[in-house]
N, C-alpha and C. Protein backbone atom coordinates (compact mmCIF):
# COMPACT_ATOMS: atom_id res chain seq x y z
N MET A 1 26.81 -7.73 -39.09
CA MET A 1 26.79 -7.09 -37.78
C MET A 1 25.34 -6.72 -37.43
N ALA A 2 24.96 -6.99 -36.20
CA ALA A 2 23.59 -6.72 -35.76
C ALA A 2 23.35 -5.22 -35.62
N LYS A 3 22.14 -4.82 -35.95
CA LYS A 3 21.74 -3.42 -35.82
C LYS A 3 21.43 -3.13 -34.35
N LEU A 4 21.88 -1.98 -33.85
CA LEU A 4 21.68 -1.62 -32.45
C LEU A 4 20.24 -1.18 -32.21
N LEU A 5 19.62 -1.77 -31.20
CA LEU A 5 18.27 -1.40 -30.79
C LEU A 5 18.38 -0.86 -29.37
N LEU A 6 18.08 0.42 -29.21
CA LEU A 6 18.20 1.07 -27.91
C LEU A 6 16.82 1.22 -27.29
N VAL A 7 16.64 0.61 -26.12
CA VAL A 7 15.37 0.63 -25.38
C VAL A 7 15.68 1.08 -23.97
N ALA A 8 14.97 2.07 -23.47
CA ALA A 8 15.17 2.56 -22.10
C ALA A 8 14.10 1.97 -21.18
N ALA A 9 14.51 1.59 -19.97
CA ALA A 9 13.59 1.01 -19.00
C ALA A 9 13.70 1.78 -17.68
N CYS A 10 12.63 1.72 -16.90
CA CYS A 10 12.59 2.48 -15.66
C CYS A 10 12.07 1.62 -14.51
N ALA A 11 12.77 1.70 -13.40
CA ALA A 11 12.31 1.07 -12.15
C ALA A 11 11.71 2.18 -11.30
N LEU A 12 10.39 2.28 -11.30
CA LEU A 12 9.72 3.23 -10.43
C LEU A 12 9.71 2.62 -9.04
N ILE A 13 10.18 3.37 -8.06
CA ILE A 13 10.27 2.86 -6.69
C ILE A 13 9.41 3.73 -5.79
N ASP A 14 8.45 3.10 -5.11
CA ASP A 14 7.54 3.86 -4.25
C ASP A 14 8.16 4.10 -2.87
N ARG A 15 7.41 4.80 -2.01
CA ARG A 15 7.91 5.16 -0.68
C ARG A 15 8.19 3.94 0.19
N ASP A 16 7.56 2.81 -0.12
CA ASP A 16 7.77 1.57 0.65
C ASP A 16 8.93 0.74 0.08
N GLY A 17 9.62 1.27 -0.95
CA GLY A 17 10.75 0.55 -1.53
C GLY A 17 10.36 -0.52 -2.53
N ARG A 18 9.09 -0.51 -2.97
CA ARG A 18 8.64 -1.50 -3.95
C ARG A 18 8.87 -0.97 -5.36
N VAL A 19 9.01 -1.90 -6.30
CA VAL A 19 9.30 -1.58 -7.70
C VAL A 19 8.05 -1.89 -8.53
N LEU A 20 7.69 -0.98 -9.43
CA LEU A 20 6.54 -1.22 -10.30
C LEU A 20 6.95 -2.06 -11.51
N MET A 21 6.23 -3.18 -11.70
CA MET A 21 6.45 -4.04 -12.85
C MET A 21 5.18 -4.07 -13.69
N ALA A 22 5.35 -4.20 -14.99
CA ALA A 22 4.22 -4.23 -15.93
C ALA A 22 4.22 -5.57 -16.66
N ARG A 23 3.04 -6.17 -16.78
CA ARG A 23 2.90 -7.44 -17.50
C ARG A 23 2.50 -7.15 -18.94
N ARG A 24 3.27 -7.68 -19.87
CA ARG A 24 3.01 -7.42 -21.29
C ARG A 24 1.66 -8.01 -21.69
N PRO A 25 0.83 -7.21 -22.38
CA PRO A 25 -0.50 -7.69 -22.77
C PRO A 25 -0.46 -8.68 -23.93
N GLU A 26 -1.56 -9.40 -24.09
CA GLU A 26 -1.69 -10.34 -25.20
C GLU A 26 -1.49 -9.61 -26.52
N GLY A 27 -0.91 -10.31 -27.49
CA GLY A 27 -0.71 -9.73 -28.81
C GLY A 27 0.65 -9.07 -28.99
N LYS A 28 1.41 -8.91 -27.91
CA LYS A 28 2.75 -8.32 -28.00
C LYS A 28 3.79 -9.41 -27.81
N ASP A 29 5.00 -9.17 -28.30
CA ASP A 29 6.10 -10.10 -28.03
C ASP A 29 6.23 -10.26 -26.52
N HIS A 30 6.54 -11.45 -26.09
CA HIS A 30 6.72 -11.75 -24.66
C HIS A 30 5.45 -11.49 -23.85
N ALA A 31 4.28 -11.68 -24.47
CA ALA A 31 3.00 -11.47 -23.77
C ALA A 31 2.96 -12.31 -22.49
N GLY A 32 2.45 -11.72 -21.42
CA GLY A 32 2.32 -12.40 -20.14
C GLY A 32 3.54 -12.32 -19.25
N LEU A 33 4.66 -11.82 -19.79
CA LEU A 33 5.87 -11.70 -18.98
C LEU A 33 5.94 -10.31 -18.35
N TRP A 34 6.63 -10.23 -17.22
CA TRP A 34 6.76 -8.98 -16.46
C TRP A 34 8.01 -8.23 -16.89
N GLU A 35 7.89 -6.91 -17.01
CA GLU A 35 9.01 -6.09 -17.44
C GLU A 35 9.00 -4.75 -16.72
N PHE A 36 10.13 -4.06 -16.84
CA PHE A 36 10.20 -2.69 -16.36
C PHE A 36 9.55 -1.80 -17.41
N PRO A 37 8.74 -0.82 -17.01
CA PRO A 37 8.14 0.09 -18.00
C PRO A 37 9.22 0.82 -18.80
N GLY A 38 8.87 1.20 -20.01
CA GLY A 38 9.80 1.94 -20.87
C GLY A 38 9.51 1.61 -22.32
N GLY A 39 10.50 1.87 -23.18
CA GLY A 39 10.29 1.59 -24.59
C GLY A 39 11.43 2.06 -25.46
N LYS A 40 11.22 1.88 -26.76
CA LYS A 40 12.23 2.24 -27.76
C LYS A 40 12.40 3.75 -27.83
N LEU A 41 13.61 4.15 -28.15
CA LEU A 41 13.89 5.56 -28.34
C LEU A 41 13.44 5.98 -29.74
N ALA A 42 12.84 7.14 -29.84
CA ALA A 42 12.51 7.72 -31.15
C ALA A 42 13.79 8.32 -31.73
N GLU A 43 13.79 8.55 -33.03
CA GLU A 43 14.95 9.13 -33.72
C GLU A 43 15.39 10.42 -33.03
N GLY A 44 16.67 10.49 -32.64
CA GLY A 44 17.22 11.68 -32.02
C GLY A 44 16.86 11.88 -30.55
N GLU A 45 16.19 10.92 -29.94
CA GLU A 45 15.73 11.04 -28.56
C GLU A 45 16.77 10.46 -27.60
N THR A 46 16.93 11.09 -26.45
CA THR A 46 17.81 10.55 -25.41
C THR A 46 17.04 9.49 -24.62
N PRO A 47 17.75 8.59 -23.93
CA PRO A 47 17.04 7.61 -23.10
C PRO A 47 16.15 8.28 -22.05
N GLU A 48 16.63 9.35 -21.47
CA GLU A 48 15.84 10.05 -20.44
C GLU A 48 14.57 10.65 -21.03
N ALA A 49 14.69 11.29 -22.19
CA ALA A 49 13.50 11.87 -22.84
C ALA A 49 12.52 10.78 -23.24
N ALA A 50 13.05 9.64 -23.70
CA ALA A 50 12.19 8.52 -24.08
C ALA A 50 11.41 8.02 -22.86
N LEU A 51 12.06 7.92 -21.71
CA LEU A 51 11.37 7.45 -20.52
C LEU A 51 10.31 8.43 -20.04
N VAL A 52 10.62 9.72 -20.06
CA VAL A 52 9.62 10.72 -19.68
C VAL A 52 8.39 10.56 -20.57
N ARG A 53 8.61 10.40 -21.88
CA ARG A 53 7.50 10.23 -22.83
C ARG A 53 6.78 8.90 -22.60
N GLU A 54 7.52 7.80 -22.51
CA GLU A 54 6.92 6.48 -22.36
C GLU A 54 6.13 6.35 -21.05
N LEU A 55 6.64 6.90 -19.96
CA LEU A 55 5.93 6.81 -18.67
C LEU A 55 4.60 7.55 -18.74
N LYS A 56 4.57 8.65 -19.48
CA LYS A 56 3.31 9.38 -19.66
C LYS A 56 2.35 8.57 -20.54
N GLU A 57 2.87 8.02 -21.66
CA GLU A 57 2.03 7.27 -22.59
C GLU A 57 1.52 5.95 -22.01
N GLU A 58 2.39 5.23 -21.28
CA GLU A 58 2.03 3.91 -20.76
C GLU A 58 1.32 3.95 -19.41
N LEU A 59 1.72 4.91 -18.56
CA LEU A 59 1.27 4.89 -17.16
C LEU A 59 0.59 6.16 -16.68
N ALA A 60 0.48 7.17 -17.54
CA ALA A 60 -0.18 8.43 -17.19
C ALA A 60 0.48 9.13 -16.01
N ILE A 61 1.81 9.04 -15.92
CA ILE A 61 2.52 9.77 -14.87
C ILE A 61 3.50 10.74 -15.50
N ASP A 62 3.83 11.78 -14.75
CA ASP A 62 4.77 12.80 -15.21
C ASP A 62 6.01 12.77 -14.35
N THR A 63 7.16 12.77 -15.00
CA THR A 63 8.43 12.90 -14.30
C THR A 63 9.35 13.73 -15.19
N GLU A 64 10.54 14.00 -14.70
CA GLU A 64 11.51 14.80 -15.45
C GLU A 64 12.81 14.01 -15.56
N ALA A 65 13.61 14.35 -16.55
CA ALA A 65 14.89 13.67 -16.76
C ALA A 65 15.76 13.76 -15.51
N SER A 66 15.68 14.87 -14.77
CA SER A 66 16.50 15.04 -13.57
C SER A 66 16.10 14.09 -12.44
N CYS A 67 14.94 13.44 -12.57
CA CYS A 67 14.47 12.48 -11.56
C CYS A 67 14.86 11.04 -11.90
N LEU A 68 15.56 10.86 -13.02
CA LEU A 68 15.96 9.52 -13.48
C LEU A 68 17.45 9.31 -13.20
N ALA A 69 17.77 8.27 -12.44
CA ALA A 69 19.16 7.95 -12.12
C ALA A 69 19.54 6.64 -12.78
N PRO A 70 20.62 6.62 -13.58
CA PRO A 70 21.05 5.37 -14.21
C PRO A 70 21.43 4.34 -13.14
N ALA A 71 21.00 3.09 -13.33
CA ALA A 71 21.23 2.06 -12.32
C ALA A 71 21.94 0.82 -12.89
N ALA A 72 21.60 0.41 -14.09
CA ALA A 72 22.13 -0.82 -14.66
C ALA A 72 21.87 -0.82 -16.17
N PHE A 73 22.37 -1.82 -16.87
CA PHE A 73 22.02 -1.96 -18.28
C PHE A 73 22.12 -3.42 -18.69
N ALA A 74 21.38 -3.75 -19.73
CA ALA A 74 21.42 -5.08 -20.33
C ALA A 74 21.91 -4.94 -21.76
N SER A 75 22.67 -5.94 -22.21
CA SER A 75 23.18 -5.97 -23.57
C SER A 75 23.00 -7.40 -24.07
N GLU A 76 22.22 -7.55 -25.14
CA GLU A 76 21.87 -8.90 -25.59
C GLU A 76 21.63 -8.92 -27.10
N VAL A 77 22.09 -9.98 -27.75
CA VAL A 77 21.81 -10.17 -29.17
C VAL A 77 20.44 -10.81 -29.31
N LEU A 78 19.59 -10.19 -30.13
CA LEU A 78 18.24 -10.69 -30.40
C LEU A 78 18.09 -10.85 -31.90
N GLY A 79 18.53 -11.98 -32.42
CA GLY A 79 18.43 -12.19 -33.86
C GLY A 79 19.26 -11.18 -34.62
N GLU A 80 18.60 -10.38 -35.46
CA GLU A 80 19.32 -9.40 -36.27
C GLU A 80 19.60 -8.10 -35.51
N PHE A 81 19.14 -8.00 -34.26
CA PHE A 81 19.36 -6.80 -33.46
C PHE A 81 20.26 -7.08 -32.28
N HIS A 82 20.95 -6.05 -31.83
CA HIS A 82 21.67 -6.09 -30.57
C HIS A 82 20.97 -5.09 -29.65
N LEU A 83 20.32 -5.61 -28.61
CA LEU A 83 19.56 -4.78 -27.68
C LEU A 83 20.50 -4.21 -26.63
N LEU A 84 20.44 -2.91 -26.46
CA LEU A 84 21.11 -2.23 -25.37
C LEU A 84 20.01 -1.53 -24.57
N MET A 85 19.86 -1.93 -23.29
CA MET A 85 18.76 -1.40 -22.49
C MET A 85 19.28 -0.85 -21.16
N PRO A 86 19.40 0.49 -21.08
CA PRO A 86 19.74 1.09 -19.80
C PRO A 86 18.51 1.09 -18.88
N LEU A 87 18.76 0.82 -17.60
CA LEU A 87 17.70 0.85 -16.59
C LEU A 87 17.95 2.05 -15.68
N TYR A 88 16.93 2.87 -15.54
CA TYR A 88 16.99 4.04 -14.66
C TYR A 88 16.08 3.80 -13.47
N VAL A 89 16.43 4.42 -12.35
CA VAL A 89 15.59 4.39 -11.16
C VAL A 89 14.91 5.75 -11.04
N CYS A 90 13.62 5.72 -10.72
CA CYS A 90 12.86 6.96 -10.53
C CYS A 90 12.06 6.82 -9.23
N ARG A 91 12.24 7.78 -8.34
CA ARG A 91 11.52 7.79 -7.07
C ARG A 91 10.57 8.98 -6.95
N LYS A 92 10.55 9.84 -7.98
CA LYS A 92 9.74 11.05 -7.91
C LYS A 92 8.96 11.23 -9.21
N TRP A 93 7.63 11.24 -9.11
CA TRP A 93 6.76 11.46 -10.26
C TRP A 93 5.45 12.03 -9.77
N LYS A 94 4.67 12.56 -10.70
CA LYS A 94 3.34 13.09 -10.40
C LYS A 94 2.30 12.18 -11.01
N GLY A 95 1.24 11.91 -10.24
CA GLY A 95 0.17 11.06 -10.72
C GLY A 95 0.28 9.66 -10.14
N THR A 96 -0.75 8.87 -10.41
CA THR A 96 -0.80 7.48 -9.97
C THR A 96 -0.61 6.60 -11.19
N PRO A 97 0.37 5.69 -11.17
CA PRO A 97 0.56 4.81 -12.33
C PRO A 97 -0.74 4.07 -12.68
N THR A 98 -1.17 4.27 -13.93
CA THR A 98 -2.41 3.70 -14.44
C THR A 98 -2.10 2.98 -15.75
N PRO A 99 -2.49 1.73 -15.90
CA PRO A 99 -2.17 1.01 -17.13
C PRO A 99 -3.00 1.51 -18.32
N LEU A 100 -2.35 2.18 -19.26
CA LEU A 100 -3.05 2.75 -20.42
C LEU A 100 -2.97 1.88 -21.66
N GLU A 101 -2.15 0.81 -21.62
CA GLU A 101 -1.95 -0.01 -22.82
C GLU A 101 -2.34 -1.46 -22.60
N GLY A 102 -3.29 -1.71 -21.70
CA GLY A 102 -3.78 -3.06 -21.47
C GLY A 102 -2.89 -3.93 -20.61
N GLN A 103 -1.83 -3.35 -20.06
CA GLN A 103 -0.92 -4.13 -19.24
C GLN A 103 -1.43 -4.20 -17.79
N GLU A 104 -1.02 -5.25 -17.09
CA GLU A 104 -1.30 -5.38 -15.66
C GLU A 104 -0.10 -4.79 -14.92
N LEU A 105 -0.36 -4.11 -13.80
CA LEU A 105 0.72 -3.52 -13.01
C LEU A 105 0.78 -4.20 -11.65
N ARG A 106 1.99 -4.31 -11.11
CA ARG A 106 2.16 -4.89 -9.78
C ARG A 106 3.37 -4.25 -9.10
N TRP A 107 3.19 -3.85 -7.84
CA TRP A 107 4.29 -3.36 -7.01
C TRP A 107 4.94 -4.56 -6.35
N VAL A 108 6.26 -4.67 -6.48
CA VAL A 108 6.99 -5.85 -6.04
C VAL A 108 8.17 -5.43 -5.16
N ARG A 109 8.38 -6.17 -4.08
CA ARG A 109 9.56 -5.94 -3.24
C ARG A 109 10.81 -6.36 -4.04
N PRO A 110 11.94 -5.68 -3.84
CA PRO A 110 13.15 -6.01 -4.62
C PRO A 110 13.53 -7.48 -4.59
N GLU A 111 13.38 -8.14 -3.44
CA GLU A 111 13.76 -9.55 -3.35
C GLU A 111 12.83 -10.46 -4.15
N GLY A 112 11.64 -9.97 -4.53
CA GLY A 112 10.70 -10.76 -5.32
C GLY A 112 10.88 -10.61 -6.82
N LEU A 113 11.69 -9.66 -7.24
CA LEU A 113 11.86 -9.39 -8.68
C LEU A 113 12.36 -10.61 -9.45
N THR A 114 13.34 -11.30 -8.92
CA THR A 114 13.96 -12.39 -9.67
C THR A 114 13.08 -13.63 -9.74
N ARG A 115 11.98 -13.65 -8.99
CA ARG A 115 11.05 -14.79 -9.06
C ARG A 115 9.96 -14.58 -10.11
N MET A 116 9.93 -13.40 -10.72
CA MET A 116 8.92 -13.10 -11.72
C MET A 116 9.38 -13.63 -13.09
N GLU A 117 8.41 -14.04 -13.91
CA GLU A 117 8.73 -14.45 -15.28
C GLU A 117 8.92 -13.20 -16.12
N MET A 118 10.12 -13.06 -16.71
CA MET A 118 10.48 -11.84 -17.45
C MET A 118 11.10 -12.19 -18.79
N PRO A 119 11.06 -11.22 -19.72
CA PRO A 119 11.83 -11.40 -20.96
C PRO A 119 13.32 -11.54 -20.60
N PRO A 120 14.10 -12.21 -21.43
CA PRO A 120 15.52 -12.45 -21.12
C PRO A 120 16.31 -11.19 -20.79
N ALA A 121 16.05 -10.08 -21.46
CA ALA A 121 16.82 -8.86 -21.22
C ALA A 121 16.51 -8.22 -19.86
N ASP A 122 15.31 -8.41 -19.34
CA ASP A 122 14.94 -7.81 -18.06
C ASP A 122 15.51 -8.58 -16.87
N ARG A 123 15.73 -9.88 -17.05
CA ARG A 123 16.16 -10.74 -15.95
C ARG A 123 17.45 -10.25 -15.27
N PRO A 124 18.55 -9.97 -16.02
CA PRO A 124 19.75 -9.49 -15.34
C PRO A 124 19.54 -8.12 -14.69
N LEU A 125 18.67 -7.30 -15.27
CA LEU A 125 18.38 -6.00 -14.67
C LEU A 125 17.72 -6.17 -13.31
N ALA A 126 16.82 -7.15 -13.22
CA ALA A 126 16.11 -7.39 -11.95
C ALA A 126 17.11 -7.79 -10.87
N ALA A 127 18.06 -8.65 -11.20
CA ALA A 127 19.07 -9.08 -10.22
C ALA A 127 19.97 -7.92 -9.81
N GLN A 128 20.39 -7.10 -10.80
CA GLN A 128 21.24 -5.96 -10.48
C GLN A 128 20.50 -4.96 -9.60
N LEU A 129 19.24 -4.71 -9.93
CA LEU A 129 18.44 -3.75 -9.15
C LEU A 129 18.23 -4.26 -7.73
N ARG A 130 17.89 -5.54 -7.59
CA ARG A 130 17.70 -6.13 -6.26
C ARG A 130 18.95 -5.92 -5.41
N ASP A 131 20.13 -6.14 -6.00
CA ASP A 131 21.37 -5.99 -5.25
C ASP A 131 21.67 -4.52 -4.90
N LEU A 132 21.23 -3.60 -5.75
CA LEU A 132 21.42 -2.17 -5.46
C LEU A 132 20.51 -1.67 -4.36
N LEU A 133 19.28 -2.20 -4.31
CA LEU A 133 18.32 -1.72 -3.34
C LEU A 133 18.49 -2.46 -2.04
C-alpha cells in the first residue's frame, strides 16, 4: 500500500481575478513546470497552517487560516506514494508576492490555467479552479 503524502496548495487570486502561478526552479522535481504555491505538511500540521507557513517562506506574504477557502483536491498515485493535494483559494493577504526560492511568478487569468505546462497533480486542479471562477 502506498504511503500517503499530503501537500497543500493555494490559488492566490488578485483583485482582477487572476491566479498566481509559480514555475518550479531548476534542480527540483518537475523543474520548469507551473504549479500552485504550497508544500508538504510538517508533522502534526494542518493544511491551512502549512499554507500560511509556505506562503510566507516561498512568497514573503502573510495570510491567516480564516482567509483560506477549500476549493478542490487532487488524488494521485506517485510511485510508492499516494499524493493527496487540497487546493485552497485565498483572496486576502498582506505583502506583495515575491519569489524567495528561485521560482518565476506569473499572474494568469482562469481560462489560461489549463494551457500552462504543469505537474500531473496540478492539472486537474487548474481545470476545477477555472470552472469555479
